[in-house]
Amino acid sequence: MKARVTIMLKDGVLDPQGEAIRHALAGLGHGGVDGVRQGKIIELDLTETDAEAAKAEVTRMCEGLLANTVIEKYSVELV
């Protein structure tokens, strides 16, 4: 079973990488972009076969290591 974790900065947290991307896009002539939020995707290959148990385990991974829950939000998708 595979899990995909999407991690983004929470609303209200400054995103300097996103701002740098927005600025670079404007410099390349893509001026219609008002804002950019940059994040990360982590894909995990799991040995767990029970979907509910797998999602619970990945959630524990996010809370313990993968996401900084003070400033980041995450979502877990089984694929």
PDB file of N, CA and C in Angstrom:
ATOM      1  N   MET A   1       0.848  -1.167   0.000  1.00  0.00           N
ATOM      2  CA  MET A   1       0.000   0.000   0.000  1.00  0.00           C
ATOM      3  C   MET A   1       0.899   1.237   0.000  1.00  0.00           C
ATOM      4  N   LYS A   2       0.471   2.265  -0.701  1.00  0.00           N
ATOM      5  CA  LYS A   2       1.216   3.517  -0.755  1.00  0.00           C
ATOM      6  C   LYS A   2       0.413   4.608  -0.051  1.00  0.00           C
ATOM      7  N   ALA A   3       1.156   5.513   0.552  1.00  0.00           N
ATOM      8  CA  ALA A   3       0.542   6.687   1.159  1.00  0.00           C
ATOM      9  C   ALA A   3       1.239   7.923   0.607  1.00  0.00           C
ATOM     10  N   ARG A   4       0.460   8.955   0.373  1.00  0.00           N
ATOM     11  CA  ARG A   4       1.001  10.226  -0.082  1.00  0.00           C
ATOM     12  C   ARG A   4       0.656  11.279   0.967  1.00  0.00           C
ATOM     13  N   VAL A   5       1.695  11.932   1.474  1.00  0.00           N
ATOM     14  CA  VAL A   5       1.528  12.983   2.474  1.00  0.00           C
ATOM     15  C   VAL A   5       1.835  14.317   1.801  1.00  0.00           C
ATOM     16  N   THR A   6       0.897  15.243   1.875  1.00  0.00           N
ATOM     17  CA  THR A   6       1.097  16.592   1.352  1.00  0.00           C
ATOM     18  C   THR A   6       1.248  17.526   2.540  1.00  0.00           C
ATOM     19  N   ILE A   7       2.349  18.278   2.560  1.00  0.00           N
ATOM     20  CA  ILE A   7       2.653  19.164   3.680  1.00  0.00           C
ATOM     21  C   ILE A   7       2.765  20.588   3.146  1.00  0.00           C
ATOM     22  N   MET A   8       2.029  21.492   3.776  1.00  0.00           N
ATOM     23  CA  MET A   8       2.042  22.903   3.393  1.00  0.00           C
ATOM     24  C   MET A   8       2.162  23.756   4.659  1.00  0.00           C
ATOM     25  N   LEU A   9       2.713  24.958   4.492  1.00  0.00           N
ATOM     26  CA  LEU A   9       2.719  25.885   5.611  1.00  0.00           C
ATOM     27  C   LEU A   9       1.278  26.292   5.932  1.00  0.00           C
ATOM     28  N   LYS A  10       1.007  26.476   7.204  1.00  0.00           N
ATOM     29  CA  LYS A  10      -0.324  26.919   7.615  1.00  0.00           C
ATOM     30  C   LYS A  10      -0.581  28.326   7.093  1.00  0.00           C
ATOM     31  N   ASP A  11      -1.866  28.646   6.921  1.00  0.00           N
ATOM     32  CA  ASP A  11      -2.249  29.998   6.523  1.00  0.00           C
ATOM     33  C   ASP A  11      -1.729  30.976   7.567  1.00  0.00           C
ATOM     34  N   GLY A  12      -1.198  32.091   7.110  1.00  0.00           N
ATOM     35  CA  GLY A  12      -0.678  33.104   8.020  1.00  0.00           C
ATOM     36  C   GLY A  12       0.807  32.970   8.301  1.00  0.00           C
ATOM     37  N   VAL A  13       1.407  31.825   7.956  1.00  0.00           N
ATOM     38  CA  VAL A  13       2.846  31.647   8.128  1.00  0.00           C
ATOM     39  C   VAL A  13       3.523  32.144   6.858  1.00  0.00           C
ATOM     40  N   LEU A  14       4.510  33.028   7.008  1.00  0.00           N
ATOM     41  CA  LEU A  14       5.217  33.562   5.854  1.00  0.00           C
ATOM     42  C   LEU A  14       5.894  32.440   5.079  1.00  0.00           C
ATOM     43  N   ASP A  15       5.871  32.542   3.764  1.00  0.00           N
ATOM     44  CA  ASP A  15       6.451  31.534   2.886  1.00  0.00           C
ATOM     45  C   ASP A  15       7.479  32.203   1.970  1.00  0.00           C
ATOM     46  N   PRO A  16       8.724  32.383   2.433  1.00  0.00           N
ATOM     47  CA  PRO A  16       9.725  33.071   1.611  1.00  0.00           C
ATOM     48  C   PRO A  16      10.047  32.324   0.313  1.00  0.00           C
ATOM     49  N   GLN A  17      10.002  30.996   0.318  1.00  0.00           N
ATOM     50  CA  GLN A  17      10.249  30.247  -0.920  1.00  0.00           C
ATOM     51  C   GLN A  17       9.127  30.486  -1.922  1.00  0.00           C
ATOM     52  N   GLY A  18       7.909  30.490  -1.441  1.00  0.00           N
ATOM     53  CA  GLY A  18       6.777  30.782  -2.310  1.00  0.00           C
ATOM     54  C   GLY A  18       6.878  32.176  -2.900  1.00  0.00           C
ATOM     55  N   GLU A  19       7.284  33.142  -2.091  1.00  0.00           N
ATOM     56  CA  GLU A  19       7.439  34.515  -2.562  1.00  0.00           C
ATOM     57  C   GLU A  19       8.555  34.608  -3.601  1.00  0.00           C
ATOM     58  N   ALA A  20       9.652  33.872  -3.409  1.00  0.00           N
ATOM     59  CA  ALA A  20      10.736  33.859  -4.385  1.00  0.00           C
ATOM     60  C   ALA A  20      10.260  33.270  -5.716  1.00  0.00           C
ATOM     61  N   ILE A  21       9.432  32.221  -5.641  1.00  0.00           N
ATOM     62  CA  ILE A  21       8.881  31.620  -6.859  1.00  0.00           C
ATOM     63  C   ILE A  21       7.972  32.622  -7.565  1.00  0.00           C
ATOM     64  N   ARG A  22       7.106  33.300  -6.803  1.00  0.00           N
ATOM     65  CA  ARG A  22       6.201  34.297  -7.386  1.00  0.00           C
ATOM     66  C   ARG A  22       6.993  35.397  -8.078  1.00  0.00           C
ATOM     67  N   HIS A  23       8.052  35.864  -7.429  1.00  0.00           N
ATOM     68  CA  HIS A  23       8.900  36.924  -7.992  1.00  0.00           C
ATOM     69  C   HIS A  23       9.584  36.439  -9.280  1.00  0.00           C
ATOM     70  N   ALA A  24      10.093  35.202  -9.270  1.00  0.00           N
ATOM     71  CA  ALA A  24      10.751  34.651 -10.459  1.00  0.00           C
ATOM     72  C   ALA A  24       9.759  34.498 -11.610  1.00  0.00           C
ATOM     73  N   LEU A  25       8.539  34.059 -11.303  1.00  0.00           N
ATOM     74  CA  LEU A  25       7.521  33.938 -12.345  1.00  0.00           C
ATOM     75  C   LEU A  25       7.221  35.298 -12.968  1.00  0.00           C
ATOM     76  N   ALA A  26       7.108  36.319 -12.127  1.00  0.00           N
ATOM     77  CA  ALA A  26       6.864  37.669 -12.639  1.00  0.00           C
ATOM     78  C   ALA A  26       8.010  38.111 -13.535  1.00  0.00           C
ATOM     79  N   GLY A  27       9.240  37.787 -13.143  1.00  0.00           N
ATOM     80  CA  GLY A  27      10.404  38.138 -13.952  1.00  0.00           C
ATOM     81  C   GLY A  27      10.423  37.423 -15.295  1.00  0.00           C
ATOM     82  N   LEU A  28       9.764  36.295 -15.383  1.00  0.00           N
ATOM     83  CA  LEU A  28       9.683  35.541 -16.636  1.00  0.00           C
ATOM     84  C   LEU A  28       8.443  35.909 -17.451  1.00  0.00           C
ATOM     85  N   GLY A  29       7.725  36.945 -17.003  1.00  0.00           N
ATOM     86  CA  GLY A  29       6.581  37.420 -17.755  1.00  0.00           C
ATOM     87  C   GLY A  29       5.243  36.846 -17.325  1.00  0.00           C
ATOM     88  N   HIS A  30       5.214  36.120 -16.216  1.00  0.00           N
ATOM     89  CA  HIS A  30       3.960  35.546 -15.714  1.00  0.00           C
ATOM     90  C   HIS A  30       3.451  36.422 -14.567  1.00  0.00           C
ATOM     91  N   GLY A  31       2.994  37.617 -14.905  1.00  0.00           N
ATOM     92  CA  GLY A  31       2.622  38.593 -13.900  1.00  0.00           C
ATOM     93  C   GLY A  31       1.259  38.381 -13.278  1.00  0.00           C
ATOM     94  N   GLY A  32       0.493  37.434 -13.733  1.00  0.00           N
ATOM     95  CA  GLY A  32      -0.852  37.232 -13.229  1.00  0.00           C
ATOM     96  C   GLY A  32      -0.923  36.365 -11.987  1.00  0.00           C
ATOM     97  N   VAL A  33       0.194  36.119 -11.330  1.00  0.00           N
ATOM     98  CA  VAL A  33       0.213  35.271 -10.131  1.00  0.00           C
ATOM     99  C   VAL A  33       0.271  36.173  -8.902  1.00  0.00           C
ATOM    100  N   ASP A  34      -0.782  36.140  -8.085  1.00  0.00           N
ATOM    101  CA  ASP A  34      -0.841  36.985  -6.890  1.00  0.00           C
ATOM    102  C   ASP A  34      -0.112  36.375  -5.698  1.00  0.00           C
ATOM    103  N   GLY A  35      -0.043  35.054  -5.634  1.00  0.00           N
ATOM    104  CA  GLY A  35       0.601  34.422  -4.488  1.00  0.00           C
ATOM    105  C   GLY A  35       0.992  32.992  -4.803  1.00  0.00           C
ATOM    106  N   VAL A  36       2.026  32.515  -4.130  1.00  0.00           N
ATOM    107  CA  VAL A  36       2.500  31.141  -4.288  1.00  0.00           C
ATOM    108  C   VAL A  36       2.757  30.572  -2.897  1.00  0.00           C
ATOM    109  N   ARG A  37       2.274  29.371  -2.645  1.00  0.00           N
ATOM    110  CA  ARG A  37       2.588  28.637  -1.417  1.00  0.00           C
ATOM    111  C   ARG A  37       3.341  27.384  -1.839  1.00  0.00           C
ATOM    112  N   GLN A  38       4.514  27.194  -1.313  1.00  0.00           N
ATOM    113  CA  GLN A  38       5.360  26.067  -1.675  1.00  0.00           C
ATOM    114  C   GLN A  38       5.264  25.019  -0.586  1.00  0.00           C
ATOM    115  N   GLY A  39       5.196  23.757  -0.969  1.00  0.00           N
ATOM    116  CA  GLY A  39       5.095  22.680   0.005  1.00  0.00           C
ATOM    117  C   GLY A  39       5.914  21.486  -0.416  1.00  0.00           C
ATOM    118  N   LYS A  40       5.590  20.347   0.166  1.00  0.00           N
ATOM    119  CA  LYS A  40       6.301  19.124  -0.205  1.00  0.00           C
ATOM    120  C   LYS A  40       5.335  17.949  -0.179  1.00  0.00           C
ATOM    121  N   ILE A  41       5.680  16.937  -0.981  1.00  0.00           N
ATOM    122  CA  ILE A  41       4.924  15.690  -1.029  1.00  0.00           C
ATOM    123  C   ILE A  41       5.878  14.560  -0.695  1.00  0.00           C
ATOM    124  N   ILE A  42       5.451  13.695   0.204  1.00  0.00           N
ATOM    125  CA  ILE A  42       6.235  12.525   0.593  1.00  0.00           C
ATOM    126  C   ILE A  42       5.397  11.298   0.270  1.00  0.00           C
ATOM    127  N   GLU A  43       5.972  10.366  -0.487  1.00  0.00           N
ATOM    128  CA  GLU A  43       5.284   9.109  -0.792  1.00  0.00           C
ATOM    129  C   GLU A  43       5.949   7.985  -0.017  1.00  0.00           C
ATOM    130  N   LEU A  44       5.137   7.184   0.641  1.00  0.00           N
ATOM    131  CA  LEU A  44       5.618   6.085   1.466  1.00  0.00           C
ATOM    132  C   LEU A  44       5.087   4.764   0.934  1.00  0.00           C
ATOM    133  N   ASP A  45       5.947   3.766   0.825  1.00  0.00           N
ATOM    134  CA  ASP A  45       5.535   2.395   0.514  1.00  0.00           C
ATOM    135  C   ASP A  45       5.381   1.678   1.852  1.00  0.00           C
ATOM    136  N   LEU A  46       4.180   1.222   2.130  1.00  0.00           N
ATOM    137  CA  LEU A  46       3.872   0.628   3.427  1.00  0.00           C
ATOM    138  C   LEU A  46       3.654  -0.879   3.298  1.00  0.00           C
ATOM    139  N   THR A  47       4.004  -1.607   4.345  1.00  0.00           N
ATOM    140  CA  THR A  47       3.723  -3.040   4.374  1.00  0.00           C
ATOM    141  C   THR A  47       2.333  -3.321   4.928  1.00  0.00           C
ATOM    142  N   GLU A  48       1.764  -2.347   5.623  1.00  0.00           N
ATOM    143  CA  GLU A  48       0.420  -2.497   6.207  1.00  0.00           C
ATOM    144  C   GLU A  48      -0.604  -2.719   5.094  1.00  0.00           C
ATOM    145  N   THR A  49      -1.534  -3.644   5.286  1.00  0.00           N
ATOM    146  CA  THR A  49      -2.565  -3.923   4.285  1.00  0.00           C
ATOM    147  C   THR A  49      -3.940  -3.381   4.675  1.00  0.00           C
ATOM    148  N   ASP A  50      -4.117  -3.053   5.941  1.00  0.00           N
ATOM    149  CA  ASP A  50      -5.388  -2.492   6.406  1.00  0.00           C
ATOM    150  C   ASP A  50      -5.342  -0.970   6.237  1.00  0.00           C
ATOM    151  N   ALA A  51      -6.272  -0.420   5.457  1.00  0.00           N
ATOM    152  CA  ALA A  51      -6.252   1.004   5.128  1.00  0.00           C
ATOM    153  C   ALA A  51      -6.357   1.885   6.370  1.00  0.00           C
ATOM    154  N   GLU A  52      -7.243   1.548   7.275  1.00  0.00           N
ATOM    155  CA  GLU A  52      -7.435   2.361   8.477  1.00  0.00           C
ATOM    156  C   GLU A  52      -6.175   2.366   9.346  1.00  0.00           C
ATOM    157  N   ALA A  53      -5.561   1.210   9.519  1.00  0.00           N
ATOM    158  CA  ALA A  53      -4.328   1.113  10.305  1.00  0.00           C
ATOM    159  C   ALA A  53      -3.183   1.853   9.617  1.00  0.00           C
ATOM    160  N   ALA A  54      -3.126   1.756   8.292  1.00  0.00           N
ATOM    161  CA  ALA A  54      -2.074   2.449   7.544  1.00  0.00           C
ATOM    162  C   ALA A  54      -2.195   3.955   7.699  1.00  0.00           C
ATOM    163  N   LYS A  55      -3.410   4.462   7.572  1.00  0.00           N
ATOM    164  CA  LYS A  55      -3.614   5.907   7.696  1.00  0.00           C
ATOM    165  C   LYS A  55      -3.271   6.382   9.110  1.00  0.00           C
ATOM    166  N   ALA A  56      -3.635   5.601  10.107  1.00  0.00           N
ATOM    167  CA  ALA A  56      -3.310   5.957  11.497  1.00  0.00           C
ATOM    168  C   ALA A  56      -1.793   5.980  11.715  1.00  0.00           C
ATOM    169  N   GLU A  57      -1.096   5.009  11.144  1.00  0.00           N
ATOM    170  CA  GLU A  57       0.360   4.949  11.289  1.00  0.00           C
ATOM    171  C   GLU A  57       1.034   6.133  10.596  1.00  0.00           C
ATOM    172  N   VAL A  58       0.580   6.460   9.399  1.00  0.00           N
ATOM    173  CA  VAL A  58       1.159   7.600   8.673  1.00  0.00           C
ATOM    174  C   VAL A  58       0.858   8.903   9.419  1.00  0.00           C
ATOM    175  N   THR A  59      -0.316   9.014  10.000  1.00  0.00           N
ATOM    176  CA  THR A  59      -0.635  10.200  10.807  1.00  0.00           C
ATOM    177  C   THR A  59       0.334  10.322  11.971  1.00  0.00           C
ATOM    178  N   ARG A  60       0.654   9.214  12.633  1.00  0.00           N
ATOM    179  CA  ARG A  60       1.635   9.246  13.726  1.00  0.00           C
ATOM    180  C   ARG A  60       3.014   9.659  13.202  1.00  0.00           C
ATOM    181  N   MET A  61       3.366   9.200  12.005  1.00  0.00           N
ATOM    182  CA  MET A  61       4.642   9.598  11.391  1.00  0.00           C
ATOM    183  C   MET A  61       4.673  11.108  11.154  1.00  0.00           C
ATOM    184  N   CYS A  62       3.572  11.648  10.675  1.00  0.00           N
ATOM    185  CA  CYS A  62       3.499  13.094  10.421  1.00  0.00           C
ATOM    186  C   CYS A  62       3.636  13.881  11.712  1.00  0.00           C
ATOM    187  N   GLU A  63       2.908  13.444  12.734  1.00  0.00           N
ATOM    188  CA  GLU A  63       2.937  14.145  14.013  1.00  0.00           C
ATOM    189  C   GLU A  63       4.311  14.060  14.681  1.00  0.00           C
ATOM    190  N   GLY A  64       5.023  12.949  14.460  1.00  0.00           N
ATOM    191  CA  GLY A  64       6.294  12.745  15.142  1.00  0.00           C
ATOM    192  C   GLY A  64       7.515  13.219  14.388  1.00  0.00           C
ATOM    193  N   LEU A  65       7.443  13.272  13.036  1.00  0.00           N
ATOM    194  CA  LEU A  65       8.652  13.572  12.273  1.00  0.00           C
ATOM    195  C   LEU A  65       8.409  14.350  10.988  1.00  0.00           C
ATOM    196  N   LEU A  66       7.473  13.905  10.179  1.00  0.00           N
ATOM    197  CA  LEU A  66       7.387  14.410   8.813  1.00  0.00           C
ATOM    198  C   LEU A  66       6.936  15.861   8.706  1.00  0.00           C
ATOM    199  N   ALA A  67       6.079  16.305   9.596  1.00  0.00           N
ATOM    200  CA  ALA A  67       5.567  17.676   9.544  1.00  0.00           C
ATOM    201  C   ALA A  67       5.882  18.405  10.839  1.00  0.00           C
ATOM    202  N   ASN A  68       6.206  19.669  10.706  1.00  0.00           N
ATOM    203  CA  ASN A  68       6.354  20.539  11.878  1.00  0.00           C
ATOM    204  C   ASN A  68       4.972  21.120  12.140  1.00  0.00           C
ATOM    205  N   THR A  69       4.213  20.482  13.010  1.00  0.00           N
ATOM    206  CA  THR A  69       2.799  20.827  13.183  1.00  0.00           C
ATOM    207  C   THR A  69       2.569  22.190  13.814  1.00  0.00           C
ATOM    208  N   VAL A  70       3.616  22.838  14.255  1.00  0.00           N
ATOM    209  CA  VAL A  70       3.470  24.207  14.760  1.00  0.00           C
ATOM    210  C   VAL A  70       3.193  25.157  13.598  1.00  0.00           C
ATOM    211  N   ILE A  71       3.879  24.940  12.479  1.00  0.00           N
ATOM    212  CA  ILE A  71       3.750  25.858  11.344  1.00  0.00           C
ATOM    213  C   ILE A  71       3.244  25.200  10.070  1.00  0.00           C
ATOM    214  N   GLU A  72       3.107  23.868  10.078  1.00  0.00           N
ATOM    215  CA  GLU A  72       2.690  23.160   8.860  1.00  0.00           C
ATOM    216  C   GLU A  72       1.412  22.374   9.087  1.00  0.00           C
ATOM    217  N   LYS A  73       0.644  22.227   8.024  1.00  0.00           N
ATOM    218  CA  LYS A  73      -0.524  21.344   8.016  1.00  0.00           C
ATOM    219  C   LYS A  73      -0.220  20.218   7.032  1.00  0.00           C
ATOM    220  N   TYR A  74      -0.887  19.092   7.210  1.00  0.00           N
ATOM    221  CA  TYR A  74      -0.624  17.971   6.334  1.00  0.00           C
ATOM    222  C   TYR A  74      -1.917  17.231   6.033  1.00  0.00           C
ATOM    223  N   SER A  75      -1.893  16.495   4.935  1.00  0.00           N
ATOM    224  CA  SER A  75      -3.003  15.602   4.606  1.00  0.00           C
ATOM    225  C   SER A  75      -2.407  14.265   4.180  1.00  0.00           C
ATOM    226  N   VAL A  76      -3.135  13.196   4.483  1.00  0.00           N
ATOM    227  CA  VAL A  76      -2.689  11.843   4.167  1.00  0.00           C
ATOM    228  C   VAL A  76      -3.680  11.239   3.186  1.00  0.00           C
ATOM    229  N   GLU A  77      -3.143  10.680   2.106  1.00  0.00           N
ATOM    230  CA  GLU A  77      -3.967  10.030   1.086  1.00  0.00           C
ATOM    231  C   GLU A  77      -3.376   8.656   0.822  1.00  0.00           C
ATOM    232  N   LEU A  78      -4.204   7.641   0.853  1.00  0.00           N
ATOM    233  CA  LEU A  78      -3.756   6.297   0.482  1.00  0.00           C
ATOM    234  C   LEU A  78      -3.980   6.123  -1.006  1.00  0.00           C
ATOM    235  N   VAL A  79      -2.940   5.698  -1.696  1.00  0.00           N
ATOM    236  CA  VAL A  79      -3.023   5.571  -3.165  1.00  0.00           C
ATOM    237  C   VAL A  79      -2.683   4.157  -3.602  1.00  0.00           C
TER     238      VAL A  79
END
